[in-house]
PDB file of all heavy atoms in Angstrom:
ATOM      1  N   HIS A   1     157.977 130.541  95.703  1.00  0.00           N
ATOM      2  CA  HIS A   1     158.153 131.516  94.596  1.00  0.00           C
ATOM      3  C   HIS A   1     156.942 131.580  93.712  1.00  0.00           C
ATOM      4  O   HIS A   1     157.025 131.867  92.471  1.00  0.00           O
ATOM      5  CB  HIS A   1     159.409 131.066  93.794  1.00  0.00           C
ATOM      6  CG  HIS A   1     160.724 130.899  94.533  1.00  0.00           C
ATOM      7  ND1 HIS A   1     161.259 132.020  95.093  1.00  0.00           N
ATOM      8  CD2 HIS A   1     161.305 129.877  94.948  1.00  0.00           C
ATOM      9  CE1 HIS A   1     162.404 131.616  95.741  1.00  0.00           C
ATOM     10  NE2 HIS A   1     162.444 130.228  95.697  1.00  0.00           N
ATOM     11  N   LEU A   2     155.708 131.270  94.277  1.00  0.00           N
ATOM     12  CA  LEU A   2     154.451 131.462  93.524  1.00  0.00           C
ATOM     13  C   LEU A   2     153.943 132.867  93.937  1.00  0.00           C
ATOM     14  O   LEU A   2     153.939 133.193  95.143  1.00  0.00           O
ATOM     15  CB  LEU A   2     153.438 130.386  93.990  1.00  0.00           C
ATOM     16  CG  LEU A   2     152.178 130.492  93.201  1.00  0.00           C
ATOM     17  CD1 LEU A   2     152.404 130.015  91.778  1.00  0.00           C
ATOM     18  CD2 LEU A   2     151.115 129.541  93.869  1.00  0.00           C
ATOM     19  N   PRO A   3     153.640 133.754  92.952  1.00  0.00           N
ATOM     20  CA  PRO A   3     153.146 135.003  93.265  1.00  0.00           C
ATOM     21  C   PRO A   3     151.909 134.965  94.215  1.00  0.00           C
ATOM     22  O   PRO A   3     151.207 134.067  94.108  1.00  0.00           O
ATOM     23  CB  PRO A   3     152.650 135.619  91.830  1.00  0.00           C
ATOM     24  CG  PRO A   3     153.515 134.825  90.898  1.00  0.00           C
ATOM     25  CD  PRO A   3     153.722 133.548  91.504  1.00  0.00           C
ATOM     26  N   ARG A   4     151.899 135.996  95.115  1.00  0.00           N
ATOM     27  CA  ARG A   4     150.834 135.948  96.173  1.00  0.00           C
ATOM     28  C   ARG A   4     149.466 136.057  95.635  1.00  0.00           C
ATOM     29  O   ARG A   4     148.608 135.374  96.147  1.00  0.00           O
ATOM     30  CB  ARG A   4     151.147 137.114  97.079  1.00  0.00           C
ATOM     31  CG  ARG A   4     150.262 136.938  98.463  1.00  0.00           C
ATOM     32  CD  ARG A   4     150.626 137.901  99.481  1.00  0.00           C
ATOM     33  NE  ARG A   4     149.966 137.602 100.745  1.00  0.00           N
ATOM     34  CZ  ARG A   4     150.377 136.779 101.656  1.00  0.00           C
ATOM     35  NH1 ARG A   4     151.574 136.183 101.561  1.00  0.00           N
ATOM     36  NH2 ARG A   4     149.701 136.523 102.717  1.00  0.00           N
ATOM     37  N   PHE A   5     149.281 136.794  94.556  1.00  0.00           N
ATOM     38  CA  PHE A   5     148.000 136.856  93.875  1.00  0.00           C
ATOM     39  C   PHE A   5     147.506 135.456  93.424  1.00  0.00           C
ATOM     40  O   PHE A   5     146.396 134.993  93.632  1.00  0.00           O
ATOM     41  CB  PHE A   5     148.039 137.887  92.784  1.00  0.00           C
ATOM     42  CG  PHE A   5     146.668 138.164  92.174  1.00  0.00           C
ATOM     43  CD1 PHE A   5     145.863 139.126  92.604  1.00  0.00           C
ATOM     44  CD2 PHE A   5     146.263 137.362  90.997  1.00  0.00           C
ATOM     45  CE1 PHE A   5     144.636 139.309  92.034  1.00  0.00           C
ATOM     46  CE2 PHE A   5     145.105 137.582  90.414  1.00  0.00           C
ATOM     47  CZ  PHE A   5     144.268 138.575  90.904  1.00  0.00           C
ATOM     48  N   ALA A   6     148.463 134.735  92.717  1.00  0.00           N
ATOM     49  CA  ALA A   6     148.137 133.412  92.262  1.00  0.00           C
ATOM     50  C   ALA A   6     147.957 132.440  93.380  1.00  0.00           C
ATOM     51  O   ALA A   6     147.105 131.567  93.287  1.00  0.00           O
ATOM     52  CB  ALA A   6     149.230 132.928  91.307  1.00  0.00           C
ATOM     53  N   GLY A   7     148.703 132.580  94.409  1.00  0.00           N
ATOM     54  CA  GLY A   7     148.548 131.621  95.539  1.00  0.00           C
ATOM     55  C   GLY A   7     147.247 131.839  96.298  1.00  0.00           C
ATOM     56  O   GLY A   7     146.573 130.871  96.661  1.00  0.00           O
ATOM     57  N   ALA A   8     146.809 133.109  96.409  1.00  0.00           N
ATOM     58  CA  ALA A   8     145.504 133.424  97.020  1.00  0.00           C
ATOM     59  C   ALA A   8     144.370 132.825  96.202  1.00  0.00           C
ATOM     60  O   ALA A   8     143.446 132.186  96.705  1.00  0.00           O
ATOM     61  CB  ALA A   8     145.385 134.943  97.197  1.00  0.00           C
ATOM     62  N   ALA A   9     144.520 133.018  94.922  1.00  0.00           N
ATOM     63  CA  ALA A   9     143.502 132.505  93.960  1.00  0.00           C
ATOM     64  C   ALA A   9     143.423 130.935  94.081  1.00  0.00           C
ATOM     65  O   ALA A   9     142.372 130.422  94.065  1.00  0.00           O
ATOM     66  CB  ALA A   9     143.760 132.962  92.498  1.00  0.00           C
ATOM     67  N   MET A  10     144.599 130.355  94.154  1.00  0.00           N
ATOM     68  CA  MET A  10     144.689 128.824  94.251  1.00  0.00           C
ATOM     69  C   MET A  10     144.066 128.356  95.567  1.00  0.00           C
ATOM     70  O   MET A  10     143.284 127.386  95.571  1.00  0.00           O
ATOM     71  CB  MET A  10     146.123 128.344  94.092  1.00  0.00           C
ATOM     72  CG  MET A  10     146.208 126.899  94.035  1.00  0.00           C
ATOM     73  SD  MET A  10     147.971 126.393  93.856  1.00  0.00           S
ATOM     74  CE  MET A  10     148.332 127.174  92.248  1.00  0.00           C
ATOM     75  N   VAL A  11     144.326 129.002  96.622  1.00  0.00           N
ATOM     76  CA  VAL A  11     143.854 128.603  97.903  1.00  0.00           C
ATOM     77  C   VAL A  11     142.367 128.744  98.058  1.00  0.00           C
ATOM     78  O   VAL A  11     141.585 127.859  98.444  1.00  0.00           O
ATOM     79  CB  VAL A  11     144.531 129.214  99.080  1.00  0.00           C
ATOM     80  CG1 VAL A  11     143.888 128.986 100.437  1.00  0.00           C
ATOM     81  CG2 VAL A  11     146.038 128.768  99.234  1.00  0.00           C
ATOM     82  N   ILE A  12     141.785 129.933  97.578  1.00  0.00           N
ATOM     83  CA  ILE A  12     140.434 130.176  97.635  1.00  0.00           C
ATOM     84  C   ILE A  12     139.698 129.174  96.717  1.00  0.00           C
ATOM     85  O   ILE A  12     138.550 128.580  97.025  1.00  0.00           O
ATOM     86  CB  ILE A  12     140.137 131.665  97.254  1.00  0.00           C
ATOM     87  CG1 ILE A  12     140.694 132.532  98.341  1.00  0.00           C
ATOM     88  CG2 ILE A  12     138.599 131.844  96.999  1.00  0.00           C
ATOM     89  CD1 ILE A  12     139.887 132.473  99.665  1.00  0.00           C
ATOM     90  N   ALA A  13     140.208 128.907  95.537  1.00  0.00           N
ATOM     91  CA  ALA A  13     139.560 127.930  94.595  1.00  0.00           C
ATOM     92  C   ALA A  13     139.549 126.565  95.172  1.00  0.00           C
ATOM     93  O   ALA A  13     138.532 125.895  94.998  1.00  0.00           O
ATOM     94  CB  ALA A  13     140.323 128.064  93.223  1.00  0.00           C
ATOM     95  N   LEU A  14     140.642 126.166  95.789  1.00  0.00           N
ATOM     96  CA  LEU A  14     140.623 124.843  96.366  1.00  0.00           C
ATOM     97  C   LEU A  14     139.672 124.753  97.475  1.00  0.00           C
ATOM     98  O   LEU A  14     138.905 123.674  97.556  1.00  0.00           O
ATOM     99  CB  LEU A  14     142.080 124.551  96.929  1.00  0.00           C
ATOM    100  CG  LEU A  14     142.273 123.226  97.620  1.00  0.00           C
ATOM    101  CD1 LEU A  14     142.003 122.038  96.656  1.00  0.00           C
ATOM    102  CD2 LEU A  14     143.780 123.043  98.168  1.00  0.00           C
ATOM    103  N   LEU A  15     139.537 125.739  98.417  1.00  0.00           N
ATOM    104  CA  LEU A  15     138.614 125.656  99.492  1.00  0.00           C
ATOM    105  C   LEU A  15     137.121 125.655  98.933  1.00  0.00           C
ATOM    106  O   LEU A  15     136.332 124.823  99.379  1.00  0.00           O
ATOM    107  CB  LEU A  15     138.742 126.793 100.387  1.00  0.00           C
ATOM    108  CG  LEU A  15     137.788 126.953 101.548  1.00  0.00           C
ATOM    109  CD1 LEU A  15     137.886 125.737 102.428  1.00  0.00           C
ATOM    110  CD2 LEU A  15     138.056 128.206 102.401  1.00  0.00           C
ATOM    111  N   PHE A  16     136.855 126.427  97.957  1.00  0.00           N
ATOM    112  CA  PHE A  16     135.605 126.474  97.331  1.00  0.00           C
ATOM    113  C   PHE A  16     135.238 125.133  96.674  1.00  0.00           C
ATOM    114  O   PHE A  16     134.066 124.614  96.716  1.00  0.00           O
ATOM    115  CB  PHE A  16     135.518 127.580  96.346  1.00  0.00           C
ATOM    116  CG  PHE A  16     134.080 127.898  95.822  1.00  0.00           C
ATOM    117  CD1 PHE A  16     133.102 128.597  96.544  1.00  0.00           C
ATOM    118  CD2 PHE A  16     133.659 127.438  94.600  1.00  0.00           C
ATOM    119  CE1 PHE A  16     131.905 128.896  96.085  1.00  0.00           C
ATOM    120  CE2 PHE A  16     132.349 127.642  94.153  1.00  0.00           C
ATOM    121  CZ  PHE A  16     131.524 128.368  94.895  1.00  0.00           C
ATOM    122  N   SER A  17     136.251 124.535  96.052  1.00  0.00           N
ATOM    123  CA  SER A  17     136.023 123.355  95.383  1.00  0.00           C
ATOM    124  C   SER A  17     135.676 122.139  96.333  1.00  0.00           C
ATOM    125  O   SER A  17     134.916 121.336  96.178  1.00  0.00           O
ATOM    126  CB  SER A  17     137.200 122.900  94.469  1.00  0.00           C
ATOM    127  OG  SER A  17     137.424 123.899  93.496  1.00  0.00           O
ATOM    128  N   LEU A  18     136.352 122.115  97.532  1.00  0.00           N
ATOM    129  CA  LEU A  18     136.178 121.163  98.561  1.00  0.00           C
ATOM    130  C   LEU A  18     134.746 121.314  99.146  1.00  0.00           C
ATOM    131  O   LEU A  18     134.037 120.274  99.320  1.00  0.00           O
ATOM    132  CB  LEU A  18     137.252 121.326  99.652  1.00  0.00           C
ATOM    133  CG  LEU A  18     138.673 120.903  99.331  1.00  0.00           C
ATOM    134  CD1 LEU A  18     139.591 121.193 100.464  1.00  0.00           C
ATOM    135  CD2 LEU A  18     138.758 119.437  98.922  1.00  0.00           C
ATOM    136  N   VAL A  19     134.359 122.535  99.386  1.00  0.00           N
ATOM    137  CA  VAL A  19     132.980 122.714  99.963  1.00  0.00           C
ATOM    138  C   VAL A  19     132.004 122.212  98.911  1.00  0.00           C
ATOM    139  O   VAL A  19     131.014 121.585  99.202  1.00  0.00           O
ATOM    140  CB  VAL A  19     132.735 124.177 100.344  1.00  0.00           C
ATOM    141  CG1 VAL A  19     131.363 124.421 100.638  1.00  0.00           C
ATOM    142  CG2 VAL A  19     133.632 124.610 101.472  1.00  0.00           C
ATOM    143  N   SER A  20     132.145 122.602  97.598  1.00  0.00           N
ATOM    144  CA  SER A  20     131.210 122.179  96.600  1.00  0.00           C
ATOM    145  C   SER A  20     131.151 120.745  96.429  1.00  0.00           C
ATOM    146  O   SER A  20     130.082 120.105  96.231  1.00  0.00           O
ATOM    147  CB  SER A  20     131.534 122.963  95.258  1.00  0.00           C
ATOM    148  OG  SER A  20     131.578 124.368  95.385  1.00  0.00           O
ATOM    149  N   ALA A  21     132.368 120.032  96.457  1.00  0.00           N
ATOM    150  CA  ALA A  21     132.473 118.649  96.319  1.00  0.00           C
ATOM    151  C   ALA A  21     131.714 117.829  97.422  1.00  0.00           C
ATOM    152  O   ALA A  21     131.057 116.903  97.266  1.00  0.00           O
ATOM    153  CB  ALA A  21     133.863 118.168  96.221  1.00  0.00           C
ATOM    154  N   ALA A  22     131.876 118.368  98.659  1.00  0.00           N
ATOM    155  CA  ALA A  22     131.164 117.779  99.875  1.00  0.00           C
ATOM    156  C   ALA A  22     129.661 117.862  99.590  1.00  0.00           C
ATOM    157  O   ALA A  22     128.955 116.948  99.892  1.00  0.00           O
ATOM    158  CB  ALA A  22     131.646 118.499 101.148  1.00  0.00           C
ATOM    159  N   ALA A  23     129.270 119.026  99.221  1.00  0.00           N
ATOM    160  CA  ALA A  23     127.751 119.248  99.031  1.00  0.00           C
ATOM    161  C   ALA A  23     127.251 118.409  97.914  1.00  0.00           C
ATOM    162  O   ALA A  23     126.115 117.788  98.009  1.00  0.00           O
ATOM    163  CB  ALA A  23     127.422 120.785  98.726  1.00  0.00           C
ATOM    164  N   TRP A  24     128.007 118.283  96.772  1.00  0.00           N
ATOM    165  CA  TRP A  24     127.668 117.412  95.703  1.00  0.00           C
ATOM    166  C   TRP A  24     127.526 115.893  96.161  1.00  0.00           C
ATOM    167  O   TRP A  24     126.698 115.146  95.761  1.00  0.00           O
ATOM    168  CB  TRP A  24     128.587 117.614  94.531  1.00  0.00           C
ATOM    169  CG  TRP A  24     128.267 116.838  93.353  1.00  0.00           C
ATOM    170  CD1 TRP A  24     128.785 115.631  92.984  1.00  0.00           C
ATOM    171  CD2 TRP A  24     127.253 117.111  92.388  1.00  0.00           C
ATOM    172  NE1 TRP A  24     128.175 115.127  91.779  1.00  0.00           N
ATOM    173  CE2 TRP A  24     127.300 116.062  91.392  1.00  0.00           C
ATOM    174  CE3 TRP A  24     126.387 118.190  92.162  1.00  0.00           C
ATOM    175  CZ2 TRP A  24     126.504 116.084  90.277  1.00  0.00           C
ATOM    176  CZ3 TRP A  24     125.600 118.174  91.021  1.00  0.00           C
ATOM    177  CH2 TRP A  24     125.651 117.147  90.012  1.00  0.00           C
ATOM    178  N   GLY A  25     128.538 115.530  96.983  1.00  0.00           N
ATOM    179  CA  GLY A  25     128.631 114.150  97.450  1.00  0.00           C
ATOM    180  C   GLY A  25     127.441 113.735  98.338  1.00  0.00           C
ATOM    181  O   GLY A  25     127.039 112.648  98.350  1.00  0.00           O
ATOM    182  N   LEU A  26     126.784 114.713  98.995  1.00  0.00           N
ATOM    183  CA  LEU A  26     125.747 114.443  99.911  1.00  0.00           C
ATOM    184  C   LEU A  26     124.361 114.767  99.254  1.00  0.00           C
ATOM    185  O   LEU A  26     123.312 114.660  99.916  1.00  0.00           O
ATOM    186  CB  LEU A  26     125.795 115.300 101.135  1.00  0.00           C
ATOM    187  CG  LEU A  26     127.011 114.952 101.986  1.00  0.00           C
ATOM    188  CD1 LEU A  26     127.149 116.010 103.131  1.00  0.00           C
ATOM    189  CD2 LEU A  26     126.845 113.556 102.648  1.00  0.00           C
ATOM    190  N   ARG A  27     124.357 115.065  97.957  1.00  0.00           N
ATOM    191  CA  ARG A  27     123.120 115.391  97.249  1.00  0.00           C
ATOM    192  C   ARG A  27     122.089 114.252  97.260  1.00  0.00           C
ATOM    193  O   ARG A  27     120.912 114.468  97.448  1.00  0.00           O
ATOM    194  CB  ARG A  27     123.322 115.946  95.901  1.00  0.00           C
ATOM    195  CG  ARG A  27     123.769 114.878  94.923  1.00  0.00           C
ATOM    196  CD  ARG A  27     124.137 115.436  93.600  1.00  0.00           C
ATOM    197  NE  ARG A  27     124.275 114.390  92.518  1.00  0.00           N
ATOM    198  CZ  ARG A  27     125.405 113.485  92.454  1.00  0.00           C
ATOM    199  NH1 ARG A  27     126.360 113.647  93.377  1.00  0.00           N
ATOM    200  NH2 ARG A  27     125.417 112.628  91.515  1.00  0.00           N
ATOM    201  N   ASP A  28     122.620 112.987  97.104  1.00  0.00           N
ATOM    202  CA  ASP A  28     121.693 111.924  97.147  1.00  0.00           C
ATOM    203  C   ASP A  28     121.021 111.634  98.407  1.00  0.00           C
ATOM    204  O   ASP A  28     119.841 111.404  98.391  1.00  0.00           O
ATOM    205  CB  ASP A  28     122.525 110.603  96.679  1.00  0.00           C
ATOM    206  CG  ASP A  28     122.965 110.642  95.271  1.00  0.00           C
ATOM    207  OD1 ASP A  28     122.476 111.421  94.431  1.00  0.00           O
ATOM    208  OD2 ASP A  28     124.078 109.976  94.916  1.00  0.00           O
ATOM    209  N   ASP A  29     121.753 111.835  99.489  1.00  0.00           N
ATOM    210  CA  ASP A  29     121.061 111.697 100.857  1.00  0.00           C
ATOM    211  C   ASP A  29     120.071 112.747 101.093  1.00  0.00           C
ATOM    212  O   ASP A  29     119.067 112.446 101.630  1.00  0.00           O
ATOM    213  CB  ASP A  29     122.228 111.660 101.860  1.00  0.00           C
ATOM    214  CG  ASP A  29     123.092 110.462 101.955  1.00  0.00           C
ATOM    215  OD1 ASP A  29     122.692 109.447 101.283  1.00  0.00           O
ATOM    216  OD2 ASP A  29     124.159 110.511 102.617  1.00  0.00           O
ATOM    217  N   PHE A  30     120.315 113.922 100.716  1.00  0.00           N
ATOM    218  CA  PHE A  30     119.381 114.951 100.851  1.00  0.00           C
ATOM    219  C   PHE A  30     118.177 114.853 100.015  1.00  0.00           C
ATOM    220  O   PHE A  30     117.037 115.078 100.443  1.00  0.00           O
ATOM    221  CB  PHE A  30     120.059 116.320 100.638  1.00  0.00           C
ATOM    222  CG  PHE A  30     120.877 116.925 101.687  1.00  0.00           C
ATOM    223  CD1 PHE A  30     122.208 116.753 101.828  1.00  0.00           C
ATOM    224  CD2 PHE A  30     120.190 117.515 102.808  1.00  0.00           C
ATOM    225  CE1 PHE A  30     122.957 117.307 102.902  1.00  0.00           C
ATOM    226  CE2 PHE A  30     120.954 118.091 103.909  1.00  0.00           C
ATOM    227  CZ  PHE A  30     122.332 117.900 103.895  1.00  0.00           C
ATOM    228  N   SER A  31     118.396 114.344  98.737  1.00  0.00           N
ATOM    229  CA  SER A  31     117.238 114.147  97.863  1.00  0.00           C
ATOM    230  C   SER A  31     116.362 113.030  98.385  1.00  0.00           C
ATOM    231  O   SER A  31     115.192 113.138  98.301  1.00  0.00           O
ATOM    232  CB  SER A  31     117.695 113.757  96.444  1.00  0.00           C
ATOM    233  OG  SER A  31     118.508 114.802  95.900  1.00  0.00           O
ATOM    234  N   ALA A  32     117.037 111.905  98.988  1.00  0.00           N
ATOM    235  CA  ALA A  32     116.210 110.780  99.513  1.00  0.00           C
ATOM    236  C   ALA A  32     115.431 111.335 100.716  1.00  0.00           C
ATOM    237  O   ALA A  32     114.291 110.854 100.968  1.00  0.00           O
ATOM    238  CB  ALA A  32     117.136 109.664  99.890  1.00  0.00           C
ATOM    239  N   ALA A  33     116.117 112.199 101.517  1.00  0.00           N
ATOM    240  CA  ALA A  33     115.472 112.625 102.770  1.00  0.00           C
ATOM    241  C   ALA A  33     114.217 113.460 102.330  1.00  0.00           C
ATOM    242  O   ALA A  33     113.166 113.387 102.947  1.00  0.00           O
ATOM    243  CB  ALA A  33     116.328 113.332 103.617  1.00  0.00           C
ATOM    244  N   ILE A  34     114.294 114.316 101.330  1.00  0.00           N
ATOM    245  CA  ILE A  34     113.194 115.207 100.868  1.00  0.00           C
ATOM    246  C   ILE A  34     112.173 114.344 100.350  1.00  0.00           C
ATOM    247  O   ILE A  34     110.929 114.544 100.515  1.00  0.00           O
ATOM    248  CB  ILE A  34     113.756 116.290  99.918  1.00  0.00           C
ATOM    249  CG1 ILE A  34     114.624 117.156 100.610  1.00  0.00           C
ATOM    250  CG2 ILE A  34     112.576 116.961  99.191  1.00  0.00           C
ATOM    251  CD1 ILE A  34     115.338 118.206  99.593  1.00  0.00           C
ATOM    252  N   ALA A  35     112.488 113.206  99.592  1.00  0.00           N
ATOM    253  CA  ALA A  35     111.416 112.331  99.060  1.00  0.00           C
ATOM    254  C   ALA A  35     110.748 111.628 100.086  1.00  0.00           C
ATOM    255  O   ALA A  35     109.595 111.260  99.890  1.00  0.00           O
ATOM    256  CB  ALA A  35     112.112 111.311  98.094  1.00  0.00           C
ATOM    257  N   GLU A  36     111.196 111.469 101.265  1.00  0.00           N
ATOM    258  CA  GLU A  36     110.583 110.667 102.409  1.00  0.00           C
ATOM    259  C   GLU A  36     109.800 111.629 103.285  1.00  0.00           C
ATOM    260  O   GLU A  36     109.119 111.141 104.169  1.00  0.00           O
ATOM    261  CB  GLU A  36     111.649 109.957 103.192  1.00  0.00           C
ATOM    262  CG  GLU A  36     112.323 108.786 102.531  1.00  0.00           C
ATOM    263  CD  GLU A  36     111.352 107.655 102.352  1.00  0.00           C
ATOM    264  OE1 GLU A  36     110.407 107.539 103.252  1.00  0.00           O
ATOM    265  OE2 GLU A  36     111.460 106.923 101.386  1.00  0.00           O
TER     266      GLU A  36
END
């Protein structure tokens, strides 16, 4: 019983947040690799 518009926004926001969190979690490894 969640409106489809709100459900679509929630799913897209969750997916975008997961991708951003994964990129943020690996930022230290990428920074260290660039420094090397």
